[in-house]
Amino acid sequence: MPKSTSSKTNTRSKLKMIKKTIATSILSLLVLSVTTFTASADEKPLRIGWVYAMANAPAVIADKKGFYTAEGLNVEIKPFTDGPLLQQAVAAGDLDIAYVGSPPVYHWFSRGLESRILAQVNFGQAAVIANIKSPINVVADLRGKKLAGVAKGSGMDVLLRGYVLKEKAKLDPDRDLSIITMPPGSMNAALEHNEVDAAFSWEPFVSQSLLRGSSKLILDINKDLPQYPWYVIIALPKTLQDRPDDVVKLLRAHLKAIAFLQSHPEESNQIIAEAFKLEAIQGPNGKTVKPEEIVQEARKRMGWSASLDANDLQFIQRLMDYSFSLSFINKPLNVQQVVDTSFLQRAEQSLK
C-alpha cells in the first residue's frame, strides 16, 4: 500500500477514536450532572429546631460529635428561646423536627397542628429556688409572695401552676401569690436584688445560683416526680410521610448522643459548657467554679433518656389534664393522640 494511503487511513482511525473519546466524555459528564443533581435534591437539609435549654443537650452532642453526619444526614440546626416560639416555626413549615417540651406540642395539637411526639429527650431540670436569706423553706410558704416564672401558658408554666402550686402547695396560682414573668436568665439577679422572693427556674440557671451561694433549693421537681419526662422530639405528619428514613436516622443519632452523655460525662460536660457559653463563677468561699462543674451540678436534677414508657405517657397525660383544668386547651386530650414511638423502635432495632 502506498505511504500516503496508509497515512490517510491512520488519520481517519485517529479521528474516529478522538470522536469516540469525546462522545464518551460528554456522556459521562451528562451522567455525572444528572447524578449530582439527584444527590443534591436528595440532600435537602433536615431542619431541626430546639429550645435553648441544657436538658436538650442531646441535640448539641449529636451535632458536635458528628452523629448526624455519621448517619448521612444533612441538617440545619436552630435554637429557640422558648417552646411557643419554636412551635410557631413548626406551624409555619420552617422546621421538620423539633426538640421541645410536651405542653406546647399538645397545646398546638388542640388548635389543629397535629405534630407527633417520637421520643423523649430528658427527664428532670426544673426547681424552685429562693434567696439564701429568705424565710421561704417549702413551696407553701409562697403564699402572698412574688415568684419569678415564665410566660403564662408555656410548658414550664403548666408544670408550675398545675403541679407545683395547685397540687403540691395547695395554692391558687392566680390569687394566692404574684407570678412575675421574666426570662430565666434574669431570675437569679432578680432573686439577689430581692425583686422576687423565689424563682421557678431550670438548668443551668438553678445550678449557677446554688453554686454562687446566693440561693437555696426549695423544691427539686425530679425528686418529687422521679425521672419525669420533659423535652421530647416531635415531627409533623408530612415529615414522617415524606422522610421516614431520615427520621429514623435522626433518632439513631439521638440514641448515640444519649449514650455518649452517659458514658463520657467529663467530655460531654465540656461540650455543653461551651455550647451554652457558661462562664466560671465565684462560690461563697471564694473558690472559682469551672463551667463544666456547673454542668455536673445540674446533672443532680436532670438526666437523659429516649424511651417513652407507660409512666412517661402517664405524666404527659397528667400535663394535658393540668392544661385543660387551667383553660390552656379547650377540650380534653388523650396522650395516645400525639405519640408515635414506631420510628424510635425502628431506630433502636437497627442499632442492636
Protein backbone atom coordinates (compact mmCIF):
# COMPACT_ATOMS: atom_id res chain seq x y z
CA MET A 1 0.00 0.00 0.00
CA PRO A 2 1.36 3.47 -0.86
CA LYS A 3 2.62 5.51 2.07
CA SER A 4 0.09 8.31 1.50
CA THR A 5 -2.87 5.88 1.61
CA SER A 6 -1.61 4.31 4.83
CA SER A 7 -1.21 7.77 6.37
CA LYS A 8 -4.79 8.74 5.46
CA THR A 9 -6.11 5.50 6.97
CA ASN A 10 -4.26 6.13 10.23
CA THR A 11 -5.55 9.69 10.32
CA ARG A 12 -9.15 8.51 9.85
CA SER A 13 -8.68 5.95 12.63
CA LYS A 14 -7.31 8.55 14.99
CA LEU A 15 -10.19 10.92 14.19
CA LYS A 16 -12.70 8.16 14.91
CA MET A 17 -11.01 7.40 18.24
CA ILE A 18 -10.97 11.09 19.18
CA LYS A 19 -14.66 11.47 18.30
CA LYS A 20 -15.46 8.32 20.30
CA THR A 21 -13.49 9.60 23.29
CA ILE A 22 -15.23 12.99 23.13
CA ALA A 23 -18.64 11.34 22.89
CA THR A 24 -17.85 9.09 25.83
CA SER A 25 -16.65 12.05 27.87
CA ILE A 26 -19.78 14.07 27.10
CA LEU A 27 -21.96 11.11 28.06
CA SER A 28 -20.01 10.68 31.30
CA LEU A 29 -20.41 14.36 32.09
CA LEU A 30 -24.14 14.16 31.43
CA VAL A 31 -24.48 11.14 33.71
CA LEU A 32 -22.39 12.87 36.39
CA SER A 33 -24.53 16.01 36.12
CA VAL A 34 -27.75 14.03 36.49
CA THR A 35 -26.29 12.08 39.42
CA THR A 36 -25.09 15.27 41.12
CA PHE A 37 -28.45 16.95 40.59
CA THR A 38 -30.26 13.93 42.05
CA ALA A 39 -27.89 13.77 45.01
CA SER A 40 -28.32 17.46 45.80
CA ALA A 41 -32.08 17.07 45.53
CA ASP A 42 -31.93 14.13 47.95
CA GLU A 43 -29.68 16.08 50.33
CA LYS A 44 -32.26 18.71 51.25
CA PRO A 45 -31.36 19.65 54.83
CA LEU A 46 -33.41 18.24 57.66
CA ARG A 47 -34.34 21.40 59.55
CA ILE A 48 -34.08 20.91 63.30
CA GLY A 49 -35.18 23.36 65.98
CA TRP A 50 -34.53 23.05 69.71
CA VAL A 51 -35.38 25.01 72.84
CA TYR A 52 -32.22 26.58 74.23
CA ALA A 53 -32.03 24.62 77.50
CA MET A 54 -29.35 22.34 78.90
CA ALA A 55 -31.84 19.49 79.02
CA ASN A 56 -31.75 19.46 75.20
CA ALA A 57 -28.03 18.61 75.28
CA PRO A 58 -28.53 15.52 73.06
CA ALA A 59 -29.14 17.88 70.12
CA VAL A 60 -25.85 19.64 70.88
CA ILE A 61 -23.91 16.40 71.34
CA ALA A 62 -25.32 14.82 68.16
CA ASP A 63 -24.16 17.87 66.23
CA LYS A 64 -20.75 18.39 67.86
CA LYS A 65 -19.77 14.72 67.84
CA GLY A 66 -20.86 14.22 64.24
CA PHE A 67 -23.62 11.70 64.95
CA TYR A 68 -26.00 13.36 62.46
CA THR A 69 -23.28 13.32 59.79
CA ALA A 70 -22.38 9.69 60.58
CA GLU A 71 -25.99 8.77 59.82
CA GLY A 72 -25.73 10.50 56.44
CA LEU A 73 -27.95 13.40 57.46
CA ASN A 74 -27.58 16.92 56.12
CA VAL A 75 -29.04 19.08 58.90
CA GLU A 76 -29.76 22.72 59.67
CA ILE A 77 -30.00 23.37 63.41
CA LYS A 78 -31.54 26.43 65.03
CA PRO A 79 -32.04 27.20 68.76
CA PHE A 80 -35.16 28.96 70.10
CA THR A 81 -35.59 30.78 73.39
CA ASP A 82 -38.85 29.02 74.29
CA GLY A 83 -41.35 26.38 73.22
CA PRO A 84 -44.12 28.67 71.92
CA LEU A 85 -41.68 30.40 69.53
CA LEU A 86 -40.41 27.07 68.29
CA GLN A 87 -43.96 25.79 67.76
CA GLN A 88 -44.70 28.89 65.66
CA ALA A 89 -41.78 27.92 63.41
CA VAL A 90 -43.16 24.38 63.17
CA ALA A 91 -46.61 25.74 62.29
CA ALA A 92 -45.08 27.98 59.61
CA GLY A 93 -43.40 24.98 57.99
CA ASP A 94 -39.90 26.29 58.80
CA LEU A 95 -38.87 23.14 60.71
CA ASP A 96 -39.03 19.40 60.09
CA ILE A 97 -38.04 18.17 63.55
CA ALA A 98 -38.09 19.87 66.96
CA TYR A 99 -36.79 19.28 70.49
CA VAL A 100 -39.44 20.89 72.68
CA GLY A 101 -41.47 20.40 75.86
CA SER A 102 -44.60 18.31 75.51
CA PRO A 103 -47.14 21.01 76.60
CA PRO A 104 -46.57 23.24 73.54
CA VAL A 105 -46.99 20.13 71.36
CA TYR A 106 -50.43 19.20 72.63
CA HIS A 107 -51.48 22.85 73.03
CA TRP A 108 -50.94 23.31 69.29
CA PHE A 109 -52.45 19.90 68.57
CA SER A 110 -55.67 21.11 70.20
CA ARG A 111 -55.62 24.03 67.72
CA GLY A 112 -55.11 21.88 64.65
CA LEU A 113 -51.33 21.45 64.32
CA GLU A 114 -51.06 17.68 64.51
CA SER A 115 -47.38 17.07 65.26
CA ARG A 116 -46.31 13.75 66.81
CA ILE A 117 -44.08 13.02 69.79
CA LEU A 118 -41.48 10.47 68.67
CA ALA A 119 -39.08 10.10 71.60
CA GLN A 120 -38.10 11.50 74.95
CA VAL A 121 -35.06 13.76 75.28
CA ASN A 122 -34.58 14.27 79.01
CA PHE A 123 -36.04 13.89 82.48
CA GLY A 124 -35.96 16.50 85.25
CA GLN A 125 -34.49 20.04 85.08
CA ALA A 126 -36.95 22.30 86.97
CA ALA A 127 -36.68 23.61 90.53
CA VAL A 128 -37.95 26.30 92.88
CA ILE A 129 -35.18 28.35 94.50
CA ALA A 130 -35.32 31.22 96.98
CA ASN A 131 -32.88 33.82 98.25
CA ILE A 132 -30.47 32.22 100.72
CA LYS A 133 -31.71 34.62 103.47
CA SER A 134 -35.40 34.13 102.68
CA PRO A 135 -37.80 32.65 105.27
CA ILE A 136 -39.28 30.52 102.45
CA ASN A 137 -38.44 26.86 103.04
CA VAL A 138 -41.29 24.96 101.33
CA VAL A 139 -43.49 25.85 98.37
CA ALA A 140 -46.50 26.50 100.62
CA ASP A 141 -44.53 29.46 102.02
CA LEU A 142 -45.01 31.19 98.65
CA ARG A 143 -48.44 32.41 99.74
CA GLY A 144 -48.52 36.19 99.40
CA LYS A 145 -45.05 36.21 97.81
CA LYS A 146 -43.62 37.17 94.44
CA LEU A 147 -42.42 34.26 92.32
CA ALA A 148 -40.42 34.63 89.10
CA GLY A 149 -41.87 32.45 86.34
CA VAL A 150 -42.07 32.26 82.56
CA ALA A 151 -44.84 33.14 80.10
CA LYS A 152 -48.34 32.07 81.08
CA GLY A 153 -49.44 29.02 79.10
CA SER A 154 -45.89 27.87 78.31
CA GLY A 155 -44.81 24.34 79.15
CA MET A 156 -42.99 25.34 82.35
CA ASP A 157 -45.96 27.44 83.37
CA VAL A 158 -48.23 24.40 83.07
CA LEU A 159 -45.91 22.49 85.42
CA LEU A 160 -45.70 25.44 87.80
CA ARG A 161 -49.41 26.17 88.03
CA GLY A 162 -50.68 22.61 87.68
CA TYR A 163 -48.27 20.68 89.87
CA VAL A 164 -46.05 22.97 91.99
CA LEU A 165 -48.70 25.46 93.10
CA LYS A 166 -52.11 23.78 92.85
CA GLU A 167 -51.22 20.18 93.63
CA LYS A 168 -48.09 20.43 95.78
CA ALA A 169 -48.61 23.70 97.66
CA LYS A 170 -52.44 23.85 97.53
CA LEU A 171 -52.22 27.44 96.28
CA ASP A 172 -54.35 29.22 93.71
CA PRO A 173 -51.78 30.49 91.16
CA ASP A 174 -53.96 33.50 90.26
CA ARG A 175 -54.93 34.60 93.77
CA ASP A 176 -52.53 33.37 96.43
CA LEU A 177 -49.28 34.81 95.05
CA SER A 178 -47.90 37.01 92.29
CA ILE A 179 -46.16 35.29 89.38
CA ILE A 180 -43.75 37.75 87.76
CA THR A 181 -42.96 36.83 84.15
CA MET A 182 -39.32 37.20 83.15
CA PRO A 183 -36.64 35.39 81.11
CA PRO A 184 -34.91 32.61 83.08
CA GLY A 185 -31.58 34.35 82.57
CA SER A 186 -32.86 37.31 84.61
CA MET A 187 -34.27 35.34 87.53
CA ASN A 188 -31.05 34.88 89.53
CA ALA A 189 -30.33 38.62 89.52
CA ALA A 190 -33.94 39.34 90.50
CA LEU A 191 -33.54 36.98 93.45
CA GLU A 192 -30.26 38.53 94.57
CA HIS A 193 -31.72 42.05 94.42
CA ASN A 194 -34.89 40.98 96.29
CA GLU A 195 -37.12 41.88 93.34
CA VAL A 196 -38.81 38.50 93.81
CA ASP A 197 -38.98 36.11 96.76
CA ALA A 198 -38.44 32.92 94.78
CA ALA A 199 -38.00 31.65 91.22
CA PHE A 200 -39.22 28.67 89.25
CA SER A 201 -36.27 28.01 87.00
CA TRP A 202 -34.25 25.32 85.24
CA GLU A 203 -30.72 24.36 84.30
CA PRO A 204 -28.12 25.78 84.09
CA PHE A 205 -29.65 28.76 85.92
CA VAL A 206 -30.54 26.77 89.06
CA SER A 207 -27.01 25.38 89.41
CA GLN A 208 -25.39 28.76 88.78
CA SER A 209 -27.42 30.32 91.59
CA LEU A 210 -26.85 27.49 94.04
CA LEU A 211 -23.11 27.30 93.40
CA ARG A 212 -22.81 31.07 93.78
CA GLY A 213 -24.27 30.65 97.24
CA SER A 214 -26.96 33.26 96.68
CA SER A 215 -29.95 30.89 96.84
CA LYS A 216 -31.28 27.73 98.40
CA LEU A 217 -33.21 24.84 96.89
CA ILE A 218 -36.88 24.80 97.88
CA LEU A 219 -38.18 22.11 95.55
CA ASP A 220 -36.41 19.75 93.15
CA ILE A 221 -39.19 18.54 90.85
CA ASN A 222 -37.18 15.46 89.86
CA LYS A 223 -37.16 14.29 93.49
CA ASP A 224 -40.91 14.74 93.81
CA LEU A 225 -41.61 13.24 90.39
CA PRO A 226 -38.63 10.92 89.74
CA GLN A 227 -37.44 10.97 86.12
CA TYR A 228 -40.45 12.90 84.87
CA PRO A 229 -40.13 13.39 81.08
CA TRP A 230 -39.85 16.93 79.81
CA TYR A 231 -38.35 17.68 76.40
CA VAL A 232 -39.37 15.42 73.52
CA ILE A 233 -38.61 15.08 69.82
CA ILE A 234 -41.52 15.88 67.52
CA ALA A 235 -42.24 15.87 63.80
CA LEU A 236 -45.16 16.81 61.59
CA PRO A 237 -47.04 14.02 59.77
CA LYS A 238 -45.69 15.39 56.47
CA THR A 239 -42.11 14.87 57.64
CA LEU A 240 -42.94 11.35 58.80
CA GLN A 241 -44.56 10.58 55.46
CA ASP A 242 -42.00 12.22 53.16
CA ARG A 243 -38.78 11.42 55.01
CA PRO A 244 -39.33 8.36 57.21
CA ASP A 245 -35.79 7.02 56.75
CA ASP A 246 -34.28 10.36 57.73
CA VAL A 247 -36.44 10.43 60.86
CA VAL A 248 -35.10 7.01 61.85
CA LYS A 249 -31.53 8.19 61.16
CA LEU A 250 -32.10 11.25 63.34
CA LEU A 251 -33.39 9.07 66.17
CA ARG A 252 -30.35 6.81 65.80
CA ALA A 253 -28.13 9.89 66.20
CA HIS A 254 -30.25 10.88 69.22
CA LEU A 255 -29.71 7.47 70.84
CA LYS A 256 -25.95 7.71 70.20
CA ALA A 257 -25.87 11.19 71.77
CA ILE A 258 -27.62 9.99 74.92
CA ALA A 259 -25.26 7.03 75.18
CA PHE A 260 -22.33 9.45 74.87
CA LEU A 261 -23.73 11.74 77.59
CA GLN A 262 -23.96 8.75 79.91
CA SER A 263 -20.62 7.11 79.09
CA HIS A 264 -18.45 10.25 78.66
CA PRO A 265 -19.65 12.68 81.36
CA GLU A 266 -16.46 14.77 81.54
CA GLU A 267 -16.16 15.33 77.78
CA SER A 268 -19.88 15.93 77.35
CA ASN A 269 -19.86 18.40 80.27
CA GLN A 270 -17.17 20.40 78.46
CA ILE A 271 -19.14 20.35 75.19
CA ILE A 272 -22.29 21.53 76.99
CA ALA A 273 -20.42 24.27 78.86
CA GLU A 274 -19.00 25.58 75.57
CA ALA A 275 -22.32 25.31 73.71
CA PHE A 276 -24.14 27.31 76.39
CA LYS A 277 -21.25 29.76 76.81
CA LEU A 278 -21.09 29.11 80.54
CA GLU A 279 -18.55 31.18 82.47
CA ALA A 280 -16.71 30.39 85.68
CA ILE A 281 -18.38 31.76 88.82
CA GLN A 282 -17.22 32.56 92.34
CA GLY A 283 -18.53 30.33 95.09
CA PRO A 284 -19.40 31.59 98.60
CA ASN A 285 -15.95 30.52 99.84
CA GLY A 286 -14.17 32.47 97.11
CA LYS A 287 -13.35 29.32 95.17
CA THR A 288 -13.71 29.51 91.38
CA VAL A 289 -16.33 27.12 90.00
CA LYS A 290 -15.44 25.98 86.47
CA PRO A 291 -18.11 25.94 83.71
CA GLU A 292 -18.05 22.13 83.46
CA GLU A 293 -18.64 21.93 87.23
CA ILE A 294 -21.87 23.86 86.71
CA VAL A 295 -22.98 21.18 84.25
CA GLN A 296 -22.01 18.44 86.71
CA GLU A 297 -24.10 20.14 89.41
CA ALA A 298 -27.06 20.31 87.00
CA ARG A 299 -26.86 16.55 86.49
CA LYS A 300 -28.06 16.15 90.10
CA ARG A 301 -31.51 17.32 88.98
CA MET A 302 -31.73 16.04 85.42
CA GLY A 303 -30.66 13.32 83.00
CA TRP A 304 -31.32 11.99 79.51
CA SER A 305 -33.39 9.17 78.04
CA ALA A 306 -35.02 8.43 74.69
CA SER A 307 -37.63 5.90 75.78
CA LEU A 308 -41.29 6.68 76.38
CA ASP A 309 -42.63 4.04 78.75
CA ALA A 310 -46.02 3.79 80.43
CA ASN A 311 -45.00 6.08 83.32
CA ASP A 312 -43.76 8.72 80.89
CA LEU A 313 -47.03 8.66 78.98
CA GLN A 314 -48.99 8.90 82.23
CA PHE A 315 -47.05 12.03 83.15
CA ILE A 316 -47.69 13.66 79.76
CA GLN A 317 -51.38 12.81 80.22
CA ARG A 318 -51.17 14.47 83.63
CA LEU A 319 -49.81 17.62 81.99
CA MET A 320 -52.65 17.51 79.47
CA ASP A 321 -55.15 17.35 82.30
CA TYR A 322 -53.47 20.32 84.03
CA SER A 323 -53.70 22.33 80.80
CA PHE A 324 -57.39 21.56 80.43
CA SER A 325 -58.14 22.49 84.06
CA LEU A 326 -56.19 25.74 83.61
CA SER A 327 -58.12 26.51 80.38
CA PHE A 328 -54.94 26.46 78.26
CA ILE A 329 -56.73 23.98 75.97
CA ASN A 330 -60.47 23.95 75.36
CA LYS A 331 -61.01 20.19 75.23
CA PRO A 332 -59.59 17.12 76.98
CA LEU A 333 -56.95 15.18 75.04
CA ASN A 334 -55.57 11.65 75.24
CA VAL A 335 -51.82 11.16 75.17
CA GLN A 336 -52.12 8.45 72.53
CA GLN A 337 -53.35 11.08 70.08
CA VAL A 338 -49.96 12.80 69.99
CA VAL A 339 -47.45 9.95 70.46
CA ASP A 340 -45.91 7.66 67.82
CA THR A 341 -42.99 5.52 69.03
CA SER A 342 -42.77 3.31 65.92
CA PHE A 343 -39.87 5.32 64.47
CA LEU A 344 -37.94 5.08 67.75
CA GLN A 345 -38.48 1.32 67.76
CA ARG A 346 -37.03 1.08 64.26
CA ALA A 347 -34.03 3.17 65.33
CA GLU A 348 -33.43 1.02 68.43
CA GLN A 349 -33.70 -2.23 66.49
CA SER A 350 -31.27 -1.09 63.80
CA LEU A 351 -28.65 -0.23 66.45
CA LYS A 352 -28.69 -3.69 68.02
